């Protein structure tokens, strides 16, 4: 991406994919937390923030209370992307 947020090579940038990602971002994050809570067996507490990247696509940062193995996080993420 350039400084102004435009793609370096517009012919290879997938605008439809970026638009779909932005539109479905909230439901994707919500489904991810639902799936995580089901897997770990307790109401995982978290806080976070969502911020736009230069190309206006959303980007999230979260902190979770407690300890959840990285393997579980990766598996939940893979399963969530298959669902959405």
PDB file of N, CA and C in Angstrom:
ATOM      1  N   UNK A   1       0.835  -1.168   0.000  1.00  0.00           N
ATOM      2  CA  UNK A   1       0.000   0.000   0.000  1.00  0.00           C
ATOM      3  C   UNK A   1       0.888   1.242   0.000  1.00  0.00           C
ATOM      4  N   UNK A   2       0.393   2.251  -0.681  1.00  0.00           N
ATOM      5  CA  UNK A   2       1.102   3.536  -0.679  1.00  0.00           C
ATOM      6  C   UNK A   2       0.723   4.324   0.573  1.00  0.00           C
ATOM      7  N   UNK A   3       1.384   5.434   0.783  1.00  0.00           N
ATOM      8  CA  UNK A   3       1.116   6.284   1.944  1.00  0.00           C
ATOM      9  C   UNK A   3      -0.338   6.751   2.003  1.00  0.00           C
ATOM     10  N   UNK A   4      -0.960   6.963   0.829  1.00  0.00           N
ATOM     11  CA  UNK A   4      -2.344   7.451   0.800  1.00  0.00           C
ATOM     12  C   UNK A   4      -3.365   6.321   0.917  1.00  0.00           C
ATOM     13  N   UNK A   5      -2.903   5.068   1.055  1.00  0.00           N
ATOM     14  CA  UNK A   5      -3.809   3.937   1.202  1.00  0.00           C
ATOM     15  C   UNK A   5      -4.177   3.243  -0.091  1.00  0.00           C
ATOM     16  N   UNK A   6      -3.713   3.757  -1.206  1.00  0.00           N
ATOM     17  CA  UNK A   6      -4.026   3.123  -2.490  1.00  0.00           C
ATOM     18  C   UNK A   6      -3.066   1.957  -2.735  1.00  0.00           C
ATOM     19  N   UNK A   7      -3.544   0.939  -3.480  1.00  0.00           N
ATOM     20  CA  UNK A   7      -2.675  -0.215  -3.735  1.00  0.00           C
ATOM     21  C   UNK A   7      -1.520   0.136  -4.667  1.00  0.00           C
ATOM     22  N   UNK A   8      -0.392  -0.496  -4.457  1.00  0.00           N
ATOM     23  CA  UNK A   8       0.779  -0.278  -5.306  1.00  0.00           C
ATOM     24  C   UNK A   8       0.500  -0.784  -6.714  1.00  0.00           C
ATOM     25  N   UNK A   9      -0.162  -1.932  -6.818  1.00  0.00           N
ATOM     26  CA  UNK A   9      -0.500  -2.518  -8.120  1.00  0.00           C
ATOM     27  C   UNK A   9      -2.017  -2.736  -8.182  1.00  0.00           C
ATOM     28  N   UNK A  10      -2.796  -1.728  -8.624  1.00  0.00           N
ATOM     29  CA  UNK A  10      -4.258  -1.839  -8.643  1.00  0.00           C
ATOM     30  C   UNK A  10      -4.789  -3.018  -9.461  1.00  0.00           C
ATOM     31  N   UNK A  11      -4.036  -3.476 -10.445  1.00  0.00           N
ATOM     32  CA  UNK A  11      -4.527  -4.576 -11.276  1.00  0.00           C
ATOM     33  C   UNK A  11      -4.572  -5.903 -10.510  1.00  0.00           C
ATOM     34  N   UNK A  12      -3.809  -6.019  -9.428  1.00  0.00           N
ATOM     35  CA  UNK A  12      -3.806  -7.262  -8.657  1.00  0.00           C
ATOM     36  C   UNK A  12      -4.549  -7.144  -7.328  1.00  0.00           C
ATOM     37  N   UNK A  13      -5.019  -5.960  -6.975  1.00  0.00           N
ATOM     38  CA  UNK A  13      -5.728  -5.769  -5.711  1.00  0.00           C
ATOM     39  C   UNK A  13      -7.168  -6.229  -5.867  1.00  0.00           C
ATOM     40  N   UNK A  14      -7.626  -7.078  -4.978  1.00  0.00           N
ATOM     41  CA  UNK A  14      -8.985  -7.633  -5.050  1.00  0.00           C
ATOM     42  C   UNK A  14      -9.951  -6.731  -4.276  1.00  0.00           C
ATOM     43  N   UNK A  15     -10.564  -5.778  -4.969  1.00  0.00           N
ATOM     44  CA  UNK A  15     -11.457  -4.813  -4.336  1.00  0.00           C
ATOM     45  C   UNK A  15     -12.706  -5.492  -3.777  1.00  0.00           C
ATOM     46  N   UNK A  16     -13.246  -6.468  -4.484  1.00  0.00           N
ATOM     47  CA  UNK A  16     -14.445  -7.171  -3.994  1.00  0.00           C
ATOM     48  C   UNK A  16     -14.151  -7.902  -2.694  1.00  0.00           C
ATOM     49  N   UNK A  17     -13.022  -8.575  -2.627  1.00  0.00           N
ATOM     50  CA  UNK A  17     -12.652  -9.296  -1.409  1.00  0.00           C
ATOM     51  C   UNK A  17     -12.494  -8.322  -0.243  1.00  0.00           C
ATOM     52  N   UNK A  18     -11.856  -7.190  -0.488  1.00  0.00           N
ATOM     53  CA  UNK A  18     -11.657  -6.195   0.566  1.00  0.00           C
ATOM     54  C   UNK A  18     -13.004  -5.645   1.046  1.00  0.00           C
ATOM     55  N   UNK A  19     -13.921  -5.397   0.114  1.00  0.00           N
ATOM     56  CA  UNK A  19     -15.241  -4.887   0.484  1.00  0.00           C
ATOM     57  C   UNK A  19     -16.020  -5.925   1.281  1.00  0.00           C
ATOM     58  N   UNK A  20     -15.965  -7.185   0.844  1.00  0.00           N
ATOM     59  CA  UNK A  20     -16.651  -8.258   1.589  1.00  0.00           C
ATOM     60  C   UNK A  20     -16.069  -8.398   2.988  1.00  0.00           C
ATOM     61  N   UNK A  21     -14.775  -8.325   3.101  1.00  0.00           N
ATOM     62  CA  UNK A  21     -14.129  -8.436   4.409  1.00  0.00           C
ATOM     63  C   UNK A  21     -14.583  -7.315   5.339  1.00  0.00           C
ATOM     64  N   UNK A  22     -14.676  -6.101   4.821  1.00  0.00           N
ATOM     65  CA  UNK A  22     -15.098  -4.967   5.637  1.00  0.00           C
ATOM     66  C   UNK A  22     -16.560  -5.102   6.062  1.00  0.00           C
ATOM     67  N   UNK A  23     -17.410  -5.562   5.158  1.00  0.00           N
ATOM     68  CA  UNK A  23     -18.837  -5.695   5.451  1.00  0.00           C
ATOM     69  C   UNK A  23     -19.092  -6.798   6.477  1.00  0.00           C
ATOM     70  N   UNK A  24     -18.378  -7.908   6.366  1.00  0.00           N
ATOM     71  CA  UNK A  24     -18.623  -9.063   7.225  1.00  0.00           C
ATOM     72  C   UNK A  24     -17.727  -9.113   8.460  1.00  0.00           C
ATOM     73  N   UNK A  25     -16.911  -8.101   8.661  1.00  0.00           N
ATOM     74  CA  UNK A  25     -15.957  -8.116   9.757  1.00  0.00           C
ATOM     75  C   UNK A  25     -16.631  -8.281  11.120  1.00  0.00           C
ATOM     76  N   UNK A  26     -17.676  -7.524  11.376  1.00  0.00           N
ATOM     77  CA  UNK A  26     -18.343  -7.582  12.684  1.00  0.00           C
ATOM     78  C   UNK A  26     -18.919  -8.969  12.952  1.00  0.00           C
ATOM     79  N   UNK A  27     -19.550  -9.567  11.955  1.00  0.00           N
ATOM     80  CA  UNK A  27     -20.119 -10.902  12.164  1.00  0.00           C
ATOM     81  C   UNK A  27     -19.014 -11.947  12.315  1.00  0.00           C
ATOM     82  N   UNK A  28     -17.907 -11.757  11.628  1.00  0.00           N
ATOM     83  CA  UNK A  28     -16.784 -12.678  11.748  1.00  0.00           C
ATOM     84  C   UNK A  28     -16.202 -12.646  13.159  1.00  0.00           C
ATOM     85  N   UNK A  29     -15.994 -11.461  13.690  1.00  0.00           N
ATOM     86  CA  UNK A  29     -15.447 -11.327  15.045  1.00  0.00           C
ATOM     87  C   UNK A  29     -16.433 -11.887  16.068  1.00  0.00           C
ATOM     88  N   UNK A  30     -17.711 -11.604  15.913  1.00  0.00           N
ATOM     89  CA  UNK A  30     -18.732 -12.124  16.831  1.00  0.00           C
ATOM     90  C   UNK A  30     -18.755 -13.647  16.809  1.00  0.00           C
ATOM     91  N   UNK A  31     -18.727 -14.244  15.639  1.00  0.00           N
ATOM     92  CA  UNK A  31     -18.726 -15.703  15.513  1.00  0.00           C
ATOM     93  C   UNK A  31     -17.463 -16.296  16.131  1.00  0.00           C
ATOM     94  N   UNK A  32     -16.324 -15.620  15.965  1.00  0.00           N
ATOM     95  CA  UNK A  32     -15.074 -16.113  16.527  1.00  0.00           C
ATOM     96  C   UNK A  32     -15.165 -16.206  18.045  1.00  0.00           C
ATOM     97  N   UNK A  33     -15.707 -15.160  18.688  1.00  0.00           N
ATOM     98  CA  UNK A  33     -15.830 -15.186  20.150  1.00  0.00           C
ATOM     99  C   UNK A  33     -16.823 -16.256  20.587  1.00  0.00           C
ATOM    100  N   UNK A  34     -17.900 -16.434  19.856  1.00  0.00           N
ATOM    101  CA  UNK A  34     -18.853 -17.509  20.186  1.00  0.00           C
ATOM    102  C   UNK A  34     -18.161 -18.868  20.127  1.00  0.00           C
ATOM    103  N   UNK A  35     -17.406 -19.088  19.060  1.00  0.00           N
ATOM    104  CA  UNK A  35     -16.707 -20.361  18.905  1.00  0.00           C
ATOM    105  C   UNK A  35     -15.664 -20.573  19.997  1.00  0.00           C
ATOM    106  N   UNK A  36     -14.925 -19.529  20.331  1.00  0.00           N
ATOM    107  CA  UNK A  36     -13.906 -19.647  21.382  1.00  0.00           C
ATOM    108  C   UNK A  36     -14.555 -20.019  22.709  1.00  0.00           C
ATOM    109  N   UNK A  37     -15.651 -19.362  23.040  1.00  0.00           N
ATOM    110  CA  UNK A  37     -16.332 -19.651  24.306  1.00  0.00           C
ATOM    111  C   UNK A  37     -16.849 -21.087  24.344  1.00  0.00           C
ATOM    112  N   UNK A  38     -17.328 -21.569  23.217  1.00  0.00           N
ATOM    113  CA  UNK A  38     -17.799 -22.962  23.171  1.00  0.00           C
ATOM    114  C   UNK A  38     -16.649 -23.939  23.386  1.00  0.00           C
ATOM    115  N   UNK A  39     -15.503 -23.658  22.790  1.00  0.00           N
ATOM    116  CA  UNK A  39     -14.365 -24.567  22.872  1.00  0.00           C
ATOM    117  C   UNK A  39     -13.759 -24.583  24.272  1.00  0.00           C
ATOM    118  N   UNK A  40     -13.547 -23.401  24.868  1.00  0.00           N
ATOM    119  CA  UNK A  40     -12.881 -23.359  26.166  1.00  0.00           C
ATOM    120  C   UNK A  40     -13.822 -23.718  27.313  1.00  0.00           C
ATOM    121  N   UNK A  41     -15.119 -23.647  27.086  1.00  0.00           N
ATOM    122  CA  UNK A  41     -16.079 -24.066  28.100  1.00  0.00           C
ATOM    123  C   UNK A  41     -16.378 -23.041  29.175  1.00  0.00           C
ATOM    124  N   UNK A  42     -15.956 -21.807  28.973  1.00  0.00           N
ATOM    125  CA  UNK A  42     -16.305 -20.750  29.919  1.00  0.00           C
ATOM    126  C   UNK A  42     -16.458 -19.441  29.162  1.00  0.00           C
ATOM    127  N   UNK A  43     -17.061 -18.465  29.811  1.00  0.00           N
ATOM    128  CA  UNK A  43     -17.309 -17.166  29.188  1.00  0.00           C
ATOM    129  C   UNK A  43     -15.998 -16.377  29.157  1.00  0.00           C
ATOM    130  N   UNK A  44     -15.238 -16.515  28.095  1.00  0.00           N
ATOM    131  CA  UNK A  44     -13.949 -15.845  27.963  1.00  0.00           C
ATOM    132  C   UNK A  44     -14.153 -14.330  27.998  1.00  0.00           C
ATOM    133  N   UNK A  45     -13.494 -13.685  28.919  1.00  0.00           N
ATOM    134  CA  UNK A  45     -13.587 -12.238  29.042  1.00  0.00           C
ATOM    135  C   UNK A  45     -12.478 -11.593  28.229  1.00  0.00           C
ATOM    136  N   UNK A  46     -12.814 -10.490  27.579  1.00  0.00           N
ATOM    137  CA  UNK A  46     -11.828  -9.834  26.724  1.00  0.00           C
ATOM    138  C   UNK A  46     -12.114  -8.348  26.627  1.00  0.00           C
ATOM    139  N   UNK A  47     -11.155  -7.614  26.157  1.00  0.00           N
ATOM    140  CA  UNK A  47     -11.367  -6.232  25.735  1.00  0.00           C
ATOM    141  C   UNK A  47     -10.520  -6.027  24.490  1.00  0.00           C
ATOM    142  N   UNK A  48     -10.901  -5.060  23.712  1.00  0.00           N
ATOM    143  CA  UNK A  48     -10.166  -4.850  22.474  1.00  0.00           C
ATOM    144  C   UNK A  48     -10.555  -3.578  21.777  1.00  0.00           C
ATOM    145  N   UNK A  49      -9.940  -3.404  20.649  1.00  0.00           N
ATOM    146  CA  UNK A  49     -10.225  -2.239  19.824  1.00  0.00           C
ATOM    147  C   UNK A  49     -10.133  -2.631  18.353  1.00  0.00           C
ATOM    148  N   UNK A  50     -10.900  -1.937  17.547  1.00  0.00           N
ATOM    149  CA  UNK A  50     -10.862  -2.138  16.093  1.00  0.00           C
ATOM    150  C   UNK A  50     -10.417  -0.823  15.474  1.00  0.00           C
ATOM    151  N   UNK A  51      -9.466  -0.923  14.562  1.00  0.00           N
ATOM    152  CA  UNK A  51      -8.952   0.285  13.917  1.00  0.00           C
ATOM    153  C   UNK A  51      -8.839   0.047  12.413  1.00  0.00           C
ATOM    154  N   UNK A  52      -9.044   1.088  11.619  1.00  0.00           N
ATOM    155  CA  UNK A  52      -8.899   0.917  10.169  1.00  0.00           C
ATOM    156  C   UNK A  52      -7.421   0.908   9.768  1.00  0.00           C
ATOM    157  N   UNK A  53      -7.099   0.068   8.803  1.00  0.00           N
ATOM    158  CA  UNK A  53      -5.758   0.083   8.236  1.00  0.00           C
ATOM    159  C   UNK A  53      -5.696   1.180   7.181  1.00  0.00           C
ATOM    160  N   UNK A  54      -4.547   1.374   6.566  1.00  0.00           N
ATOM    161  CA  UNK A  54      -4.407   2.414   5.542  1.00  0.00           C
ATOM    162  C   UNK A  54      -5.382   2.214   4.394  1.00  0.00           C
ATOM    163  N   UNK A  55      -5.655   0.959   4.069  1.00  0.00           N
ATOM    164  CA  UNK A  55      -6.571   0.698   2.948  1.00  0.00           C
ATOM    165  C   UNK A  55      -8.020   0.637   3.412  1.00  0.00           C
ATOM    166  N   UNK A  56      -8.308   1.090   4.625  1.00  0.00           N
ATOM    167  CA  UNK A  56      -9.631   1.222   5.232  1.00  0.00           C
ATOM    168  C   UNK A  56     -10.220  -0.119   5.678  1.00  0.00           C
ATOM    169  N   UNK A  57      -9.510  -1.209   5.582  1.00  0.00           N
ATOM    170  CA  UNK A  57     -10.030  -2.472   6.087  1.00  0.00           C
ATOM    171  C   UNK A  57      -9.851  -2.521   7.596  1.00  0.00           C
ATOM    172  N   UNK A  58     -10.807  -3.111   8.316  1.00  0.00           N
ATOM    173  CA  UNK A  58     -10.703  -3.134   9.775  1.00  0.00           C
ATOM    174  C   UNK A  58      -9.620  -4.092  10.256  1.00  0.00           C
ATOM    175  N   UNK A  59      -9.057  -3.755  11.391  1.00  0.00           N
ATOM    176  CA  UNK A  59      -7.991  -4.550  12.014  1.00  0.00           C
ATOM    177  C   UNK A  59      -8.265  -4.533  13.514  1.00  0.00           C
ATOM    178  N   UNK A  60      -8.185  -5.688  14.178  1.00  0.00           N
ATOM    179  CA  UNK A  60      -8.566  -5.772  15.586  1.00  0.00           C
ATOM    180  C   UNK A  60      -7.400  -6.201  16.466  1.00  0.00           C
ATOM    181  N   UNK A  61      -7.435  -5.707  17.696  1.00  0.00           N
ATOM    182  CA  UNK A  61      -6.501  -6.109  18.747  1.00  0.00           C
ATOM    183  C   UNK A  61      -7.344  -6.499  19.954  1.00  0.00           C
ATOM    184  N   UNK A  62      -7.088  -7.677  20.529  1.00  0.00           N
ATOM    185  CA  UNK A  62      -7.836  -8.124  21.690  1.00  0.00           C
ATOM    186  C   UNK A  62      -6.903  -8.692  22.739  1.00  0.00           C
ATOM    187  N   UNK A  63      -7.287  -8.536  23.990  1.00  0.00           N
ATOM    188  CA  UNK A  63      -6.606  -9.178  25.112  1.00  0.00           C
ATOM    189  C   UNK A  63      -7.643 -10.031  25.818  1.00  0.00           C
ATOM    190  N   UNK A  64      -7.273 -11.281  26.125  1.00  0.00           N
ATOM    191  CA  UNK A  64      -8.190 -12.224  26.754  1.00  0.00           C
ATOM    192  C   UNK A  64      -7.721 -12.495  28.173  1.00  0.00           C
ATOM    193  N   UNK A  65      -8.677 -12.532  29.071  1.00  0.00           N
ATOM    194  CA  UNK A  65      -8.349 -12.837  30.468  1.00  0.00           C
ATOM    195  C   UNK A  65      -8.163 -14.347  30.625  1.00  0.00           C
ATOM    196  N   UNK A  66      -7.075 -14.735  31.224  1.00  0.00           N
ATOM    197  CA  UNK A  66      -6.817 -16.148  31.452  1.00  0.00           C
ATOM    198  C   UNK A  66      -5.817 -16.695  30.452  1.00  0.00           C
ATOM    199  N   UNK A  67      -5.718 -18.010  30.444  1.00  0.00           N
ATOM    200  CA  UNK A  67      -4.739 -18.674  29.594  1.00  0.00           C
ATOM    201  C   UNK A  67      -5.444 -19.658  28.660  1.00  0.00           C
ATOM    202  N   UNK A  68      -5.259 -19.450  27.372  1.00  0.00           N
ATOM    203  CA  UNK A  68      -5.826 -20.339  26.362  1.00  0.00           C
ATOM    204  C   UNK A  68      -4.670 -20.737  25.446  1.00  0.00           C
ATOM    205  N   UNK A  69      -4.465 -22.030  25.235  1.00  0.00           N
ATOM    206  CA  UNK A  69      -3.338 -22.464  24.393  1.00  0.00           C
ATOM    207  C   UNK A  69      -3.412 -21.902  22.967  1.00  0.00           C
ATOM    208  N   UNK A  70      -2.261 -21.602  22.406  1.00  0.00           N
ATOM    209  CA  UNK A  70      -2.193 -21.057  21.043  1.00  0.00           C
ATOM    210  C   UNK A  70      -2.826 -22.009  20.028  1.00  0.00           C
ATOM    211  N   UNK A  71      -2.661 -23.297  20.257  1.00  0.00           N
ATOM    212  CA  UNK A  71      -3.248 -24.301  19.360  1.00  0.00           C
ATOM    213  C   UNK A  71      -4.767 -24.125  19.277  1.00  0.00           C
ATOM    214  N   UNK A  72      -5.404 -23.858  20.415  1.00  0.00           N
ATOM    215  CA  UNK A  72      -6.856 -23.665  20.449  1.00  0.00           C
ATOM    216  C   UNK A  72      -7.239 -22.405  19.673  1.00  0.00           C
ATOM    217  N   UNK A  73      -6.486 -21.338  19.859  1.00  0.00           N
ATOM    218  CA  UNK A  73      -6.760 -20.086  19.142  1.00  0.00           C
ATOM    219  C   UNK A  73      -6.672 -20.316  17.630  1.00  0.00           C
ATOM    220  N   UNK A  74      -5.644 -21.007  17.185  1.00  0.00           N
ATOM    221  CA  UNK A  74      -5.482 -21.278  15.744  1.00  0.00           C
ATOM    222  C   UNK A  74      -6.612 -22.146  15.207  1.00  0.00           C
ATOM    223  N   UNK A  75      -7.020 -23.150  15.974  1.00  0.00           N
ATOM    224  CA  UNK A  75      -8.091 -24.033  15.515  1.00  0.00           C
ATOM    225  C   UNK A  75      -9.423 -23.302  15.439  1.00  0.00           C
ATOM    226  N   UNK A  76      -9.707 -22.465  16.430  1.00  0.00           N
ATOM    227  CA  UNK A  76     -10.946 -21.680  16.417  1.00  0.00           C
ATOM    228  C   UNK A  76     -10.941 -20.716  15.234  1.00  0.00           C
ATOM    229  N   UNK A  77      -9.823 -20.096  14.977  1.00  0.00           N
ATOM    230  CA  UNK A  77      -9.723 -19.171  13.843  1.00  0.00           C
ATOM    231  C   UNK A  77      -9.963 -19.885  12.523  1.00  0.00           C
ATOM    232  N   UNK A  78      -9.336 -21.029  12.334  1.00  0.00           N
ATOM    233  CA  UNK A  78      -9.529 -21.793  11.087  1.00  0.00           C
ATOM    234  C   UNK A  78     -10.982 -22.224  10.931  1.00  0.00           C
ATOM    235  N   UNK A  79     -11.597 -22.699  12.004  1.00  0.00           N
ATOM    236  CA  UNK A  79     -12.991 -23.147  11.939  1.00  0.00           C
ATOM    237  C   UNK A  79     -13.938 -21.985  11.671  1.00  0.00           C
ATOM    238  N   UNK A  80     -13.652 -20.817  12.245  1.00  0.00           N
ATOM    239  CA  UNK A  80     -14.527 -19.655  12.055  1.00  0.00           C
ATOM    240  C   UNK A  80     -14.498 -19.191  10.609  1.00  0.00           C
ATOM    241  N   UNK A  81     -13.328 -19.169   9.993  1.00  0.00           N
ATOM    242  CA  UNK A  81     -13.257 -18.746   8.604  1.00  0.00           C
ATOM    243  C   UNK A  81     -14.011 -19.708   7.697  1.00  0.00           C
ATOM    244  N   UNK A  82     -14.046 -20.979   8.046  1.00  0.00           N
ATOM    245  CA  UNK A  82     -14.826 -21.943   7.253  1.00  0.00           C
ATOM    246  C   UNK A  82     -16.318 -21.681   7.393  1.00  0.00           C
ATOM    247  N   UNK A  83     -16.758 -21.243   8.583  1.00  0.00           N
ATOM    248  CA  UNK A  83     -18.178 -20.977   8.823  1.00  0.00           C
ATOM    249  C   UNK A  83     -18.649 -19.721   8.100  1.00  0.00           C
ATOM    250  N   UNK A  84     -17.842 -18.679   8.161  1.00  0.00           N
ATOM    251  CA  UNK A  84     -18.252 -17.393   7.587  1.00  0.00           C
ATOM    252  C   UNK A  84     -17.836 -17.353   6.151  1.00  0.00           C
TER     253      UNK A  84
END
